[in-house]
Amino acid sequence: MDRFALDPRTKLILLLIIGLAVFSYMPTYVIDIYIFLSFILLLLCQQYKSVLDYFALYCVVEVLLFQGMVNLFTILFPIFVFGRYMVISTRISEFSLALEKLKVPLGIQIILLVMIRYFPTIKSEFRSIFNAMRLRGVNFSPIGFMRHPVKTVEYLYVPLVYSLIKTGDELSVAALTRGLGLYESRTYLVEIGFTYRDRLIAFIYLAVLVFGFLGKGGAL
């Protein structure tokens, strides 16, 4: 997979900017711009299916849900989309090096590194459980739950909860085994650094944020 290479620190800055815009109750057009920019980043990573899935989800929510839920979904949606880009475009070694350069406390580093690997692993576990359910004739859907509520809980939720706990423990052990618990500087086989791409993308995201504040304050 070709990745649109940005420094992991730039991605953290962009996520912070999006979060600031979201929780500052920016006008809807600002949120839509951030959604569009996140779609562009995913397309640059050749994540065409993800873009189609997120766009279809966005359209379905806009059509089917009532206004209150639509507003909440729209506000949080750019964080979900950008989070997807951040996860699929960032290697663990790059993210670890970025956190070390930022002088993030070791305990927080371990939490963040485990978390960024947690969701893709859980997705794989869920797919395996879902396939096992289909072999037993249990379909994971609202209709399937209504037809077989006990089997759905037994075959899906119980294994999933167990897998969540087990996966978290295994990832924590793997992180410590790779030396993340050492209070010394580690050697990395990857290099990170700011380039013109980082400066350009950060400028665009920041300009949208400033534009939103001006529009919110009535200056525009």
C-alpha atoms as a PDB file:
ATOM      1  CA  MET A   1       0.000   0.000   0.000  1.00  0.00           C
ATOM      2  CA  ASP A   2       1.361   3.383  -0.999  1.00  0.00           C
ATOM      3  CA  ARG A   3       1.082   5.834   1.848  1.00  0.00           C
ATOM      4  CA  PHE A   4       0.812   9.585   1.703  1.00  0.00           C
ATOM      5  CA  ALA A   5       3.791  10.149   3.967  1.00  0.00           C
ATOM      6  CA  LEU A   6       3.300  12.696   6.722  1.00  0.00           C
ATOM      7  CA  ASP A   7       5.269  12.955   9.922  1.00  0.00           C
ATOM      8  CA  PRO A   8       3.324  11.304  12.791  1.00  0.00           C
ATOM      9  CA  ARG A   9       3.728  14.533  14.771  1.00  0.00           C
ATOM     10  CA  THR A  10       1.969  16.388  11.964  1.00  0.00           C
ATOM     11  CA  LYS A  11      -0.901  13.906  12.167  1.00  0.00           C
ATOM     12  CA  LEU A  12      -1.198  14.497  15.905  1.00  0.00           C
ATOM     13  CA  ILE A  13      -1.291  18.262  15.266  1.00  0.00           C
ATOM     14  CA  LEU A  14      -3.997  17.820  12.612  1.00  0.00           C
ATOM     15  CA  LEU A  15      -6.027  15.633  14.965  1.00  0.00           C
ATOM     16  CA  LEU A  16      -5.710  18.324  17.630  1.00  0.00           C
ATOM     17  CA  ILE A  17      -6.873  20.990  15.168  1.00  0.00           C
ATOM     18  CA  ILE A  18      -9.893  18.895  14.158  1.00  0.00           C
ATOM     19  CA  GLY A  19     -10.730  18.243  17.801  1.00  0.00           C
ATOM     20  CA  LEU A  20     -10.487  21.949  18.572  1.00  0.00           C
ATOM     21  CA  ALA A  21     -12.814  22.742  15.675  1.00  0.00           C
ATOM     22  CA  VAL A  22     -15.297  20.043  16.672  1.00  0.00           C
ATOM     23  CA  PHE A  23     -15.534  20.988  20.334  1.00  0.00           C
ATOM     24  CA  SER A  24     -15.596  24.718  19.565  1.00  0.00           C
ATOM     25  CA  TYR A  25     -18.924  24.211  17.782  1.00  0.00           C
ATOM     26  CA  MET A  26     -17.692  25.522  14.458  1.00  0.00           C
ATOM     27  CA  PRO A  27     -20.146  26.202  11.626  1.00  0.00           C
ATOM     28  CA  THR A  28     -21.218  23.123   9.693  1.00  0.00           C
ATOM     29  CA  TYR A  29     -19.275  24.114   6.584  1.00  0.00           C
ATOM     30  CA  VAL A  30     -16.003  23.987   8.572  1.00  0.00           C
ATOM     31  CA  ILE A  31     -16.747  20.436   9.705  1.00  0.00           C
ATOM     32  CA  ASP A  32     -17.637  19.488   6.121  1.00  0.00           C
ATOM     33  CA  ILE A  33     -14.301  20.899   4.905  1.00  0.00           C
ATOM     34  CA  TYR A  34     -12.410  18.744   7.414  1.00  0.00           C
ATOM     35  CA  ILE A  35     -14.404  15.697   6.303  1.00  0.00           C
ATOM     36  CA  PHE A  36     -13.524  16.465   2.689  1.00  0.00           C
ATOM     37  CA  LEU A  37      -9.827  16.935   3.513  1.00  0.00           C
ATOM     38  CA  SER A  38      -9.768  13.624   5.406  1.00  0.00           C
ATOM     39  CA  PHE A  39     -11.341  11.922   2.388  1.00  0.00           C
ATOM     40  CA  ILE A  40      -8.572  13.398   0.218  1.00  0.00           C
ATOM     41  CA  LEU A  41      -5.913  12.005   2.561  1.00  0.00           C
ATOM     42  CA  LEU A  42      -7.512   8.555   2.402  1.00  0.00           C
ATOM     43  CA  LEU A  43      -7.639   8.726  -1.389  1.00  0.00           C
ATOM     44  CA  LEU A  44      -3.943   9.645  -1.478  1.00  0.00           C
ATOM     45  CA  CYS A  45      -3.350   6.440   0.529  1.00  0.00           C
ATOM     46  CA  GLN A  46      -5.387   4.542  -2.104  1.00  0.00           C
ATOM     47  CA  GLN A  47      -8.086   3.722   0.443  1.00  0.00           C
ATOM     48  CA  TYR A  48     -10.885   3.937  -2.092  1.00  0.00           C
ATOM     49  CA  LYS A  49     -13.146   1.402  -0.387  1.00  0.00           C
ATOM     50  CA  SER A  50     -12.858   3.202   2.945  1.00  0.00           C
ATOM     51  CA  VAL A  51     -13.850   6.481   1.308  1.00  0.00           C
ATOM     52  CA  LEU A  52     -16.878   4.857  -0.348  1.00  0.00           C
ATOM     53  CA  ASP A  53     -17.905   3.170   2.920  1.00  0.00           C
ATOM     54  CA  TYR A  54     -17.630   6.374   4.946  1.00  0.00           C
ATOM     55  CA  PHE A  55     -19.428   8.399   2.284  1.00  0.00           C
ATOM     56  CA  ALA A  56     -22.270   5.857   2.125  1.00  0.00           C
ATOM     57  CA  LEU A  57     -22.520   5.859   5.923  1.00  0.00           C
ATOM     58  CA  TYR A  58     -22.635   9.646   5.950  1.00  0.00           C
ATOM     59  CA  CYS A  59     -25.444   9.704   3.383  1.00  0.00           C
ATOM     60  CA  VAL A  60     -27.464   7.026   5.195  1.00  0.00           C
ATOM     61  CA  VAL A  61     -27.212   8.858   8.515  1.00  0.00           C
ATOM     62  CA  GLU A  62     -28.207  12.160   6.922  1.00  0.00           C
ATOM     63  CA  VAL A  63     -31.308  10.546   5.388  1.00  0.00           C
ATOM     64  CA  LEU A  64     -32.519   8.117   8.067  1.00  0.00           C
ATOM     65  CA  LEU A  65     -31.712   9.603  11.478  1.00  0.00           C
ATOM     66  CA  PHE A  66     -33.473  12.454  13.208  1.00  0.00           C
ATOM     67  CA  GLN A  67     -31.846  15.878  13.383  1.00  0.00           C
ATOM     68  CA  GLY A  68     -30.292  15.580  16.856  1.00  0.00           C
ATOM     69  CA  MET A  69     -28.451  12.365  15.998  1.00  0.00           C
ATOM     70  CA  VAL A  70     -27.418  13.782  12.620  1.00  0.00           C
ATOM     71  CA  ASN A  71     -25.845  16.823  14.268  1.00  0.00           C
ATOM     72  CA  LEU A  72     -23.927  14.670  16.759  1.00  0.00           C
ATOM     73  CA  PHE A  73     -22.756  12.294  14.022  1.00  0.00           C
ATOM     74  CA  THR A  74     -21.710  15.147  11.730  1.00  0.00           C
ATOM     75  CA  ILE A  75     -19.664  16.783  14.476  1.00  0.00           C
ATOM     76  CA  LEU A  76     -17.750  13.620  15.366  1.00  0.00           C
ATOM     77  CA  PHE A  77     -17.482  12.197  11.847  1.00  0.00           C
ATOM     78  CA  PRO A  78     -14.288  14.084  10.804  1.00  0.00           C
ATOM     79  CA  ILE A  79     -12.490  12.634  13.846  1.00  0.00           C
ATOM     80  CA  PHE A  80     -13.482   9.092  12.825  1.00  0.00           C
ATOM     81  CA  VAL A  81     -12.403   9.590   9.209  1.00  0.00           C
ATOM     82  CA  PHE A  82      -9.090  11.218  10.085  1.00  0.00           C
ATOM     83  CA  GLY A  83      -8.506   8.552  12.743  1.00  0.00           C
ATOM     84  CA  ARG A  84      -8.883   5.919  10.040  1.00  0.00           C
ATOM     85  CA  TYR A  85      -6.294   7.696   7.900  1.00  0.00           C
ATOM     86  CA  MET A  86      -3.945   8.021  10.856  1.00  0.00           C
ATOM     87  CA  VAL A  87      -4.154   4.324  11.750  1.00  0.00           C
ATOM     88  CA  ILE A  88      -3.643   2.933   8.240  1.00  0.00           C
ATOM     89  CA  SER A  89      -0.872   5.376   7.278  1.00  0.00           C
ATOM     90  CA  THR A  90       1.301   5.230  10.418  1.00  0.00           C
ATOM     91  CA  ARG A  91       3.688   2.432  11.306  1.00  0.00           C
ATOM     92  CA  ILE A  92       4.025   1.603  14.977  1.00  0.00           C
ATOM     93  CA  SER A  93       7.786   2.261  14.869  1.00  0.00           C
ATOM     94  CA  GLU A  94       7.189   5.720  13.360  1.00  0.00           C
ATOM     95  CA  PHE A  95       4.559   6.579  15.938  1.00  0.00           C
ATOM     96  CA  SER A  96       6.795   5.358  18.769  1.00  0.00           C
ATOM     97  CA  LEU A  97       9.698   7.491  17.530  1.00  0.00           C
ATOM     98  CA  ALA A  98       7.408  10.528  17.211  1.00  0.00           C
ATOM     99  CA  LEU A  99       6.188  10.121  20.798  1.00  0.00           C
ATOM    100  CA  GLU A 100       9.758   9.807  22.030  1.00  0.00           C
ATOM    101  CA  LYS A 101      10.801  12.969  20.169  1.00  0.00           C
ATOM    102  CA  LEU A 102       7.833  14.770  21.723  1.00  0.00           C
ATOM    103  CA  LYS A 103       9.079  13.712  25.179  1.00  0.00           C
ATOM    104  CA  VAL A 104       5.762  12.026  25.967  1.00  0.00           C
ATOM    105  CA  PRO A 105       5.920  10.171  29.331  1.00  0.00           C
ATOM    106  CA  LEU A 106       6.666   6.487  28.947  1.00  0.00           C
ATOM    107  CA  GLY A 107       3.401   5.316  30.495  1.00  0.00           C
ATOM    108  CA  ILE A 108       1.355   7.366  28.018  1.00  0.00           C
ATOM    109  CA  GLN A 109       3.519   6.120  25.138  1.00  0.00           C
ATOM    110  CA  ILE A 110       2.689   2.505  25.962  1.00  0.00           C
ATOM    111  CA  ILE A 111      -1.035   3.291  26.230  1.00  0.00           C
ATOM    112  CA  LEU A 112      -1.114   5.088  22.867  1.00  0.00           C
ATOM    113  CA  LEU A 113       0.953   2.444  21.062  1.00  0.00           C
ATOM    114  CA  VAL A 114      -1.225  -0.373  22.392  1.00  0.00           C
ATOM    115  CA  MET A 115      -4.361   1.575  21.470  1.00  0.00           C
ATOM    116  CA  ILE A 116      -3.308   2.233  17.864  1.00  0.00           C
ATOM    117  CA  ARG A 117      -2.765  -1.510  17.370  1.00  0.00           C
ATOM    118  CA  TYR A 118      -5.830  -2.496  19.354  1.00  0.00           C
ATOM    119  CA  PHE A 119      -8.615  -1.588  16.944  1.00  0.00           C
ATOM    120  CA  PRO A 120      -7.205  -3.283  13.788  1.00  0.00           C
ATOM    121  CA  THR A 121      -6.591  -6.437  15.839  1.00  0.00           C
ATOM    122  CA  ILE A 122     -10.122  -6.381  17.239  1.00  0.00           C
ATOM    123  CA  LYS A 123     -11.494  -5.919  13.722  1.00  0.00           C
ATOM    124  CA  SER A 124      -9.728  -9.092  12.645  1.00  0.00           C
ATOM    125  CA  GLU A 125     -11.029 -10.952  15.718  1.00  0.00           C
ATOM    126  CA  PHE A 126     -14.571  -9.752  15.050  1.00  0.00           C
ATOM    127  CA  ARG A 127     -14.385 -10.987  11.458  1.00  0.00           C
ATOM    128  CA  SER A 128     -13.289 -14.431  12.661  1.00  0.00           C
ATOM    129  CA  ILE A 129     -16.113 -14.588  15.208  1.00  0.00           C
ATOM    130  CA  PHE A 130     -18.608 -13.423  12.580  1.00  0.00           C
ATOM    131  CA  ASN A 131     -17.502 -16.173  10.176  1.00  0.00           C
ATOM    132  CA  ALA A 132     -17.773 -18.772  12.942  1.00  0.00           C
ATOM    133  CA  MET A 133     -21.328 -17.574  13.672  1.00  0.00           C
ATOM    134  CA  ARG A 134     -22.307 -17.983  10.022  1.00  0.00           C
ATOM    135  CA  LEU A 135     -21.059 -21.575  10.094  1.00  0.00           C
ATOM    136  CA  ARG A 136     -23.403 -22.201  13.042  1.00  0.00           C
ATOM    137  CA  GLY A 137     -26.316 -20.695  11.157  1.00  0.00           C
ATOM    138  CA  VAL A 138     -26.512 -17.501  13.216  1.00  0.00           C
ATOM    139  CA  ASN A 139     -26.615 -14.268  11.243  1.00  0.00           C
ATOM    140  CA  PHE A 140     -25.345 -11.123  12.980  1.00  0.00           C
ATOM    141  CA  SER A 141     -28.057  -8.604  12.143  1.00  0.00           C
ATOM    142  CA  PRO A 142     -31.048  -7.003  13.872  1.00  0.00           C
ATOM    143  CA  ILE A 143     -33.286  -9.695  12.368  1.00  0.00           C
ATOM    144  CA  GLY A 144     -30.851 -12.419  13.332  1.00  0.00           C
ATOM    145  CA  PHE A 145     -30.729 -11.094  16.890  1.00  0.00           C
ATOM    146  CA  MET A 146     -34.526 -11.109  17.093  1.00  0.00           C
ATOM    147  CA  ARG A 147     -34.681 -14.680  15.817  1.00  0.00           C
ATOM    148  CA  HIS A 148     -31.819 -16.050  17.941  1.00  0.00           C
ATOM    149  CA  PRO A 149     -31.117 -13.628  20.823  1.00  0.00           C
ATOM    150  CA  VAL A 150     -29.550 -16.226  23.116  1.00  0.00           C
ATOM    151  CA  LYS A 151     -27.353 -17.715  20.386  1.00  0.00           C
ATOM    152  CA  THR A 152     -26.261 -14.242  19.266  1.00  0.00           C
ATOM    153  CA  VAL A 153     -25.111 -13.355  22.775  1.00  0.00           C
ATOM    154  CA  GLU A 154     -23.450 -16.747  23.215  1.00  0.00           C
ATOM    155  CA  TYR A 155     -21.662 -16.882  19.859  1.00  0.00           C
ATOM    156  CA  LEU A 156     -20.788 -13.196  19.422  1.00  0.00           C
ATOM    157  CA  TYR A 157     -20.732 -11.065  22.544  1.00  0.00           C
ATOM    158  CA  VAL A 158     -19.173 -13.581  24.920  1.00  0.00           C
ATOM    159  CA  PRO A 159     -16.241 -14.442  22.587  1.00  0.00           C
ATOM    160  CA  LEU A 160     -15.867 -10.776  21.660  1.00  0.00           C
ATOM    161  CA  VAL A 161     -15.580  -9.603  25.278  1.00  0.00           C
ATOM    162  CA  TYR A 162     -13.081 -12.385  25.991  1.00  0.00           C
ATOM    163  CA  SER A 163     -11.122 -11.427  22.865  1.00  0.00           C
ATOM    164  CA  LEU A 164     -11.080  -7.748  23.889  1.00  0.00           C
ATOM    165  CA  ILE A 165      -9.519  -8.592  27.251  1.00  0.00           C
ATOM    166  CA  LYS A 166      -7.078 -11.137  25.827  1.00  0.00           C
ATOM    167  CA  THR A 167      -5.968  -8.875  22.966  1.00  0.00           C
ATOM    168  CA  GLY A 168      -5.317  -5.967  25.318  1.00  0.00           C
ATOM    169  CA  ASP A 169      -3.135  -8.154  27.543  1.00  0.00           C
ATOM    170  CA  GLU A 170      -1.228  -9.603  24.579  1.00  0.00           C
ATOM    171  CA  LEU A 171      -0.534  -6.216  23.028  1.00  0.00           C
ATOM    172  CA  SER A 172       0.655  -4.842  26.366  1.00  0.00           C
ATOM    173  CA  VAL A 173       3.039  -7.772  26.797  1.00  0.00           C
ATOM    174  CA  ALA A 174       4.275  -7.399  23.198  1.00  0.00           C
ATOM    175  CA  ALA A 175       4.959  -3.694  23.762  1.00  0.00           C
ATOM    176  CA  LEU A 176       6.969  -4.374  26.910  1.00  0.00           C
ATOM    177  CA  THR A 177       8.826  -7.257  25.233  1.00  0.00           C
ATOM    178  CA  ARG A 178       9.988  -4.894  22.495  1.00  0.00           C
ATOM    179  CA  GLY A 179      11.601  -2.646  25.069  1.00  0.00           C
ATOM    180  CA  LEU A 180       8.942   0.030  25.416  1.00  0.00           C
ATOM    181  CA  GLY A 181       9.189  -0.216  29.175  1.00  0.00           C
ATOM    182  CA  LEU A 182      12.849   0.826  29.246  1.00  0.00           C
ATOM    183  CA  TYR A 183      13.677   4.303  30.521  1.00  0.00           C
ATOM    184  CA  GLU A 184      16.449   4.657  27.971  1.00  0.00           C
ATOM    185  CA  SER A 185      16.582   5.931  24.412  1.00  0.00           C
ATOM    186  CA  ARG A 186      15.825   3.180  21.896  1.00  0.00           C
ATOM    187  CA  THR A 187      17.333   2.595  18.454  1.00  0.00           C
ATOM    188  CA  TYR A 188      14.940   2.899  15.488  1.00  0.00           C
ATOM    189  CA  LEU A 189      15.285   1.609  11.942  1.00  0.00           C
ATOM    190  CA  VAL A 190      12.955   4.320  10.606  1.00  0.00           C
ATOM    191  CA  GLU A 191      13.424   8.035  10.184  1.00  0.00           C
ATOM    192  CA  ILE A 192      10.825  10.769  10.483  1.00  0.00           C
ATOM    193  CA  GLY A 193      10.988  14.465   9.744  1.00  0.00           C
ATOM    194  CA  PHE A 194       8.937  17.421   8.600  1.00  0.00           C
ATOM    195  CA  THR A 195       8.744  18.060   4.866  1.00  0.00           C
ATOM    196  CA  TYR A 196       6.947  20.522   2.607  1.00  0.00           C
ATOM    197  CA  ARG A 197       3.938  18.186   2.714  1.00  0.00           C
ATOM    198  CA  ASP A 198       3.674  18.535   6.474  1.00  0.00           C
ATOM    199  CA  ARG A 199       3.921  22.306   6.325  1.00  0.00           C
ATOM    200  CA  LEU A 200       1.373  22.566   3.494  1.00  0.00           C
ATOM    201  CA  ILE A 201      -1.227  20.265   5.075  1.00  0.00           C
ATOM    202  CA  ALA A 202      -0.808  21.834   8.527  1.00  0.00           C
ATOM    203  CA  PHE A 203      -1.214  25.301   7.004  1.00  0.00           C
ATOM    204  CA  ILE A 204      -4.427  24.276   5.213  1.00  0.00           C
ATOM    205  CA  TYR A 205      -5.950  22.740   8.358  1.00  0.00           C
ATOM    206  CA  LEU A 206      -4.956  25.736  10.460  1.00  0.00           C
ATOM    207  CA  ALA A 207      -6.286  28.185   7.854  1.00  0.00           C
ATOM    208  CA  VAL A 208      -9.658  26.409   7.884  1.00  0.00           C
ATOM    209  CA  LEU A 209      -9.722  26.657  11.689  1.00  0.00           C
ATOM    210  CA  VAL A 210      -8.942  30.397  11.623  1.00  0.00           C
ATOM    211  CA  PHE A 211     -11.541  30.893   8.902  1.00  0.00           C
ATOM    212  CA  GLY A 212     -14.079  29.084  11.075  1.00  0.00           C
ATOM    213  CA  PHE A 213     -13.333  31.234  14.119  1.00  0.00           C
ATOM    214  CA  LEU A 214     -13.682  34.394  12.023  1.00  0.00           C
ATOM    215  CA  GLY A 215     -16.956  33.163  10.579  1.00  0.00           C
ATOM    216  CA  LYS A 216     -18.240  32.177  14.007  1.00  0.00           C
ATOM    217  CA  GLY A 217     -17.348  35.561  15.427  1.00  0.00           C
ATOM    218  CA  GLY A 218     -19.105  37.396  12.613  1.00  0.00           C
ATOM    219  CA  ALA A 219     -15.919  38.852  11.148  1.00  0.00           C
ATOM    220  CA  LEU A 220     -16.720  37.296   7.756  1.00  0.00           C
END
